[in-house]
């Protein structure tokens, strides 16, 4: 029997990305974000999410893509890493799906984009190509925590 990995699928630009469901505590519509002084460009600020001050990172900016206006489909995926909640702004959050672990391939060598270090693998599911995000590297929590303390 093959093992499956349950993931949340989301979009940035025209690509689909995935993160493990067990790291996600919720998906929210865009909420009011309070800016934090001297924050790095991809850290949009913080929100008060059910009494928890949660830093918000725009994954589009983090991955080096151009910023766009947020719209009705923009979502905040709230993930928990090392006991800390972080919100990730994505263009849209599509669905939850099971991907067979054996369908995950290591990242291609030729990903010529800066974001390749944030990729843990690529899954081909039927005609879809899902890029699996390594949250620890993409978020660099130590830096985010330090940034919030200074701000």
C-alpha atoms as a PDB file:
ATOM      1  CA  UNK A   1       0.000   0.000   0.000  1.00  0.00           C
ATOM      2  CA  UNK A   2       1.369   3.389  -0.936  1.00  0.00           C
ATOM      3  CA  UNK A   3       1.626   6.159   1.581  1.00  0.00           C
ATOM      4  CA  UNK A   4      -0.113   9.478   0.936  1.00  0.00           C
ATOM      5  CA  UNK A   5       0.769  12.949   2.123  1.00  0.00           C
ATOM      6  CA  UNK A   6      -2.164  15.304   2.714  1.00  0.00           C
ATOM      7  CA  UNK A   7      -1.408  18.826   1.463  1.00  0.00           C
ATOM      8  CA  UNK A   8      -3.052  22.218   1.050  1.00  0.00           C
ATOM      9  CA  UNK A   9      -2.708  23.407  -2.541  1.00  0.00           C
ATOM     10  CA  UNK A  10      -2.410  27.131  -3.203  1.00  0.00           C
ATOM     11  CA  UNK A  11      -1.529  29.394  -6.091  1.00  0.00           C
ATOM     12  CA  UNK A  12       1.046  32.100  -6.601  1.00  0.00           C
ATOM     13  CA  UNK A  13       1.074  33.573 -10.077  1.00  0.00           C
ATOM     14  CA  UNK A  14       0.077  30.699 -12.346  1.00  0.00           C
ATOM     15  CA  UNK A  15       1.822  27.930 -10.415  1.00  0.00           C
ATOM     16  CA  UNK A  16       0.454  25.530  -7.824  1.00  0.00           C
ATOM     17  CA  UNK A  17       2.302  24.993  -4.559  1.00  0.00           C
ATOM     18  CA  UNK A  18       1.628  22.652  -1.670  1.00  0.00           C
ATOM     19  CA  UNK A  19       2.362  22.487   2.036  1.00  0.00           C
ATOM     20  CA  UNK A  20       1.583  19.611   4.409  1.00  0.00           C
ATOM     21  CA  UNK A  21      -1.825  19.898   6.076  1.00  0.00           C
ATOM     22  CA  UNK A  22      -0.326  19.005   9.455  1.00  0.00           C
ATOM     23  CA  UNK A  23       1.545  22.329   9.463  1.00  0.00           C
ATOM     24  CA  UNK A  24      -1.600  24.374   8.705  1.00  0.00           C
ATOM     25  CA  UNK A  25      -3.892  25.651  11.454  1.00  0.00           C
ATOM     26  CA  UNK A  26      -6.308  27.510   9.197  1.00  0.00           C
ATOM     27  CA  UNK A  27      -7.022  29.464   6.038  1.00  0.00           C
ATOM     28  CA  UNK A  28      -8.383  32.977   6.435  1.00  0.00           C
ATOM     29  CA  UNK A  29      -9.714  35.652   4.130  1.00  0.00           C
ATOM     30  CA  UNK A  30      -7.528  38.726   4.073  1.00  0.00           C
ATOM     31  CA  UNK A  31      -7.693  40.548   7.410  1.00  0.00           C
ATOM     32  CA  UNK A  32      -6.451  43.992   8.410  1.00  0.00           C
ATOM     33  CA  UNK A  33      -2.655  43.829   8.607  1.00  0.00           C
ATOM     34  CA  UNK A  34      -0.837  46.183  10.974  1.00  0.00           C
ATOM     35  CA  UNK A  35       2.499  47.222   9.491  1.00  0.00           C
ATOM     36  CA  UNK A  36       5.646  46.705  11.521  1.00  0.00           C
ATOM     37  CA  UNK A  37       8.336  49.429  11.295  1.00  0.00           C
ATOM     38  CA  UNK A  38      11.603  48.455   9.578  1.00  0.00           C
ATOM     39  CA  UNK A  39      10.220  45.073   8.506  1.00  0.00           C
ATOM     40  CA  UNK A  40      11.818  43.335   5.557  1.00  0.00           C
ATOM     41  CA  UNK A  41       9.817  43.747   2.341  1.00  0.00           C
ATOM     42  CA  UNK A  42       8.102  40.346   2.366  1.00  0.00           C
ATOM     43  CA  UNK A  43       6.877  40.726   5.970  1.00  0.00           C
ATOM     44  CA  UNK A  44       3.635  42.646   5.564  1.00  0.00           C
ATOM     45  CA  UNK A  45       3.055  43.105   9.298  1.00  0.00           C
ATOM     46  CA  UNK A  46       0.994  41.339  11.944  1.00  0.00           C
ATOM     47  CA  UNK A  47      -2.638  40.434  12.507  1.00  0.00           C
ATOM     48  CA  UNK A  48      -4.526  39.635  15.685  1.00  0.00           C
ATOM     49  CA  UNK A  49      -5.845  36.167  14.964  1.00  0.00           C
ATOM     50  CA  UNK A  50      -8.121  34.956  17.761  1.00  0.00           C
ATOM     51  CA  UNK A  51      -5.978  36.763  20.314  1.00  0.00           C
ATOM     52  CA  UNK A  52      -2.636  35.628  18.873  1.00  0.00           C
ATOM     53  CA  UNK A  53      -0.377  38.239  17.265  1.00  0.00           C
ATOM     54  CA  UNK A  54       0.605  36.515  14.023  1.00  0.00           C
ATOM     55  CA  UNK A  55       3.291  37.751  11.608  1.00  0.00           C
ATOM     56  CA  UNK A  56       2.177  37.878   7.974  1.00  0.00           C
ATOM     57  CA  UNK A  57       4.508  37.013   5.114  1.00  0.00           C
ATOM     58  CA  UNK A  58       3.663  37.636   1.460  1.00  0.00           C
ATOM     59  CA  UNK A  59       4.947  34.477  -0.237  1.00  0.00           C
ATOM     60  CA  UNK A  60       4.769  36.162  -3.653  1.00  0.00           C
ATOM     61  CA  UNK A  61       7.300  38.765  -2.491  1.00  0.00           C
ATOM     62  CA  UNK A  62       9.326  36.168  -0.544  1.00  0.00           C
ATOM     63  CA  UNK A  63       9.758  34.169  -3.752  1.00  0.00           C
ATOM     64  CA  UNK A  64      10.862  37.234  -5.695  1.00  0.00           C
ATOM     65  CA  UNK A  65       7.704  37.785  -7.760  1.00  0.00           C
ATOM     66  CA  UNK A  66       6.163  41.207  -8.327  1.00  0.00           C
ATOM     67  CA  UNK A  67       3.578  42.396  -5.797  1.00  0.00           C
ATOM     68  CA  UNK A  68      -0.053  42.532  -6.871  1.00  0.00           C
ATOM     69  CA  UNK A  69      -3.198  44.042  -5.389  1.00  0.00           C
ATOM     70  CA  UNK A  70      -4.942  41.636  -3.046  1.00  0.00           C
ATOM     71  CA  UNK A  71      -8.407  40.593  -4.185  1.00  0.00           C
ATOM     72  CA  UNK A  72     -11.373  38.394  -3.259  1.00  0.00           C
ATOM     73  CA  UNK A  73      -9.415  35.186  -3.812  1.00  0.00           C
ATOM     74  CA  UNK A  74      -6.369  36.262  -1.746  1.00  0.00           C
ATOM     75  CA  UNK A  75      -5.976  34.057   1.326  1.00  0.00           C
ATOM     76  CA  UNK A  76      -3.840  33.869   4.443  1.00  0.00           C
ATOM     77  CA  UNK A  77      -2.713  30.311   5.162  1.00  0.00           C
ATOM     78  CA  UNK A  78      -1.840  30.120   8.852  1.00  0.00           C
ATOM     79  CA  UNK A  79       0.955  27.652   9.526  1.00  0.00           C
ATOM     80  CA  UNK A  80       2.537  26.554  12.780  1.00  0.00           C
ATOM     81  CA  UNK A  81       6.291  26.084  12.844  1.00  0.00           C
ATOM     82  CA  UNK A  82       8.289  25.519  15.998  1.00  0.00           C
ATOM     83  CA  UNK A  83       5.242  26.516  18.052  1.00  0.00           C
ATOM     84  CA  UNK A  84       4.898  29.884  16.292  1.00  0.00           C
ATOM     85  CA  UNK A  85       1.956  30.861  14.079  1.00  0.00           C
ATOM     86  CA  UNK A  86       2.822  32.595  10.808  1.00  0.00           C
ATOM     87  CA  UNK A  87       0.361  33.741   8.141  1.00  0.00           C
ATOM     88  CA  UNK A  88       1.274  33.291   4.483  1.00  0.00           C
ATOM     89  CA  UNK A  89      -0.422  35.498   1.910  1.00  0.00           C
ATOM     90  CA  UNK A  90      -1.149  33.547  -1.282  1.00  0.00           C
ATOM     91  CA  UNK A  91      -3.095  34.418  -4.435  1.00  0.00           C
ATOM     92  CA  UNK A  92      -5.645  31.704  -3.694  1.00  0.00           C
ATOM     93  CA  UNK A  93      -5.944  28.497  -1.709  1.00  0.00           C
ATOM     94  CA  UNK A  94      -7.398  25.857  -3.988  1.00  0.00           C
ATOM     95  CA  UNK A  95      -7.928  22.573  -2.248  1.00  0.00           C
ATOM     96  CA  UNK A  96      -6.775  19.837   0.068  1.00  0.00           C
ATOM     97  CA  UNK A  97      -5.522  16.698  -1.590  1.00  0.00           C
ATOM     98  CA  UNK A  98      -3.651  13.480  -0.933  1.00  0.00           C
ATOM     99  CA  UNK A  99      -0.522  12.996  -2.968  1.00  0.00           C
ATOM    100  CA  UNK A 100       1.195   9.620  -3.116  1.00  0.00           C
ATOM    101  CA  UNK A 101       4.617   9.964  -1.529  1.00  0.00           C
ATOM    102  CA  UNK A 102       6.201   8.032  -4.417  1.00  0.00           C
ATOM    103  CA  UNK A 103       4.975  10.708  -6.874  1.00  0.00           C
ATOM    104  CA  UNK A 104       7.205  13.302  -5.188  1.00  0.00           C
ATOM    105  CA  UNK A 105      10.459  13.901  -7.003  1.00  0.00           C
ATOM    106  CA  UNK A 106      13.399  15.902  -5.728  1.00  0.00           C
ATOM    107  CA  UNK A 107      13.505  19.471  -6.967  1.00  0.00           C
ATOM    108  CA  UNK A 108      14.809  19.753 -10.503  1.00  0.00           C
ATOM    109  CA  UNK A 109      18.433  20.840 -10.774  1.00  0.00           C
ATOM    110  CA  UNK A 110      17.586  23.480 -13.342  1.00  0.00           C
ATOM    111  CA  UNK A 111      15.153  25.590 -11.327  1.00  0.00           C
ATOM    112  CA  UNK A 112      16.854  28.829 -12.256  1.00  0.00           C
ATOM    113  CA  UNK A 113      14.923  30.880  -9.733  1.00  0.00           C
ATOM    114  CA  UNK A 114      16.039  32.128  -6.351  1.00  0.00           C
ATOM    115  CA  UNK A 115      13.129  30.329  -4.696  1.00  0.00           C
ATOM    116  CA  UNK A 116      14.531  26.878  -5.514  1.00  0.00           C
ATOM    117  CA  UNK A 117      16.095  26.641  -2.062  1.00  0.00           C
ATOM    118  CA  UNK A 118      12.573  26.815  -0.595  1.00  0.00           C
ATOM    119  CA  UNK A 119      11.405  23.788  -2.579  1.00  0.00           C
ATOM    120  CA  UNK A 120      11.444  20.339  -1.007  1.00  0.00           C
ATOM    121  CA  UNK A 121      10.202  18.507  -4.095  1.00  0.00           C
ATOM    122  CA  UNK A 122       7.809  18.406  -7.012  1.00  0.00           C
ATOM    123  CA  UNK A 123       4.765  16.145  -7.332  1.00  0.00           C
ATOM    124  CA  UNK A 124       3.176  15.222 -10.643  1.00  0.00           C
ATOM    125  CA  UNK A 125      -0.488  14.442 -10.125  1.00  0.00           C
ATOM    126  CA  UNK A 126      -2.322  13.692 -13.389  1.00  0.00           C
ATOM    127  CA  UNK A 127      -1.740  16.862 -15.427  1.00  0.00           C
ATOM    128  CA  UNK A 128      -0.886  19.023 -12.409  1.00  0.00           C
ATOM    129  CA  UNK A 129       2.567  19.893 -11.182  1.00  0.00           C
ATOM    130  CA  UNK A 130       2.676  20.745  -7.476  1.00  0.00           C
ATOM    131  CA  UNK A 131       5.733  22.454  -6.023  1.00  0.00           C
ATOM    132  CA  UNK A 132       6.231  21.372  -2.403  1.00  0.00           C
ATOM    133  CA  UNK A 133       7.433  24.176  -0.146  1.00  0.00           C
ATOM    134  CA  UNK A 134      10.034  23.684   2.578  1.00  0.00           C
ATOM    135  CA  UNK A 135       8.430  25.996   5.152  1.00  0.00           C
ATOM    136  CA  UNK A 136      11.421  26.076   7.485  1.00  0.00           C
ATOM    137  CA  UNK A 137      13.660  27.490   4.755  1.00  0.00           C
ATOM    138  CA  UNK A 138      11.013  29.679   3.122  1.00  0.00           C
ATOM    139  CA  UNK A 139      10.073  31.362   6.376  1.00  0.00           C
ATOM    140  CA  UNK A 140      13.421  31.523   8.143  1.00  0.00           C
ATOM    141  CA  UNK A 141      11.637  31.799  11.492  1.00  0.00           C
ATOM    142  CA  UNK A 142      14.628  33.009  13.428  1.00  0.00           C
ATOM    143  CA  UNK A 143      14.807  36.074  11.224  1.00  0.00           C
ATOM    144  CA  UNK A 144      11.046  36.620  11.445  1.00  0.00           C
ATOM    145  CA  UNK A 145      11.079  36.390  15.254  1.00  0.00           C
ATOM    146  CA  UNK A 146      14.031  38.802  15.482  1.00  0.00           C
ATOM    147  CA  UNK A 147      12.336  41.202  13.094  1.00  0.00           C
ATOM    148  CA  UNK A 148       9.212  41.245  15.249  1.00  0.00           C
ATOM    149  CA  UNK A 149      11.176  41.813  18.447  1.00  0.00           C
ATOM    150  CA  UNK A 150      12.983  44.771  16.924  1.00  0.00           C
ATOM    151  CA  UNK A 151       9.783  46.204  15.434  1.00  0.00           C
END
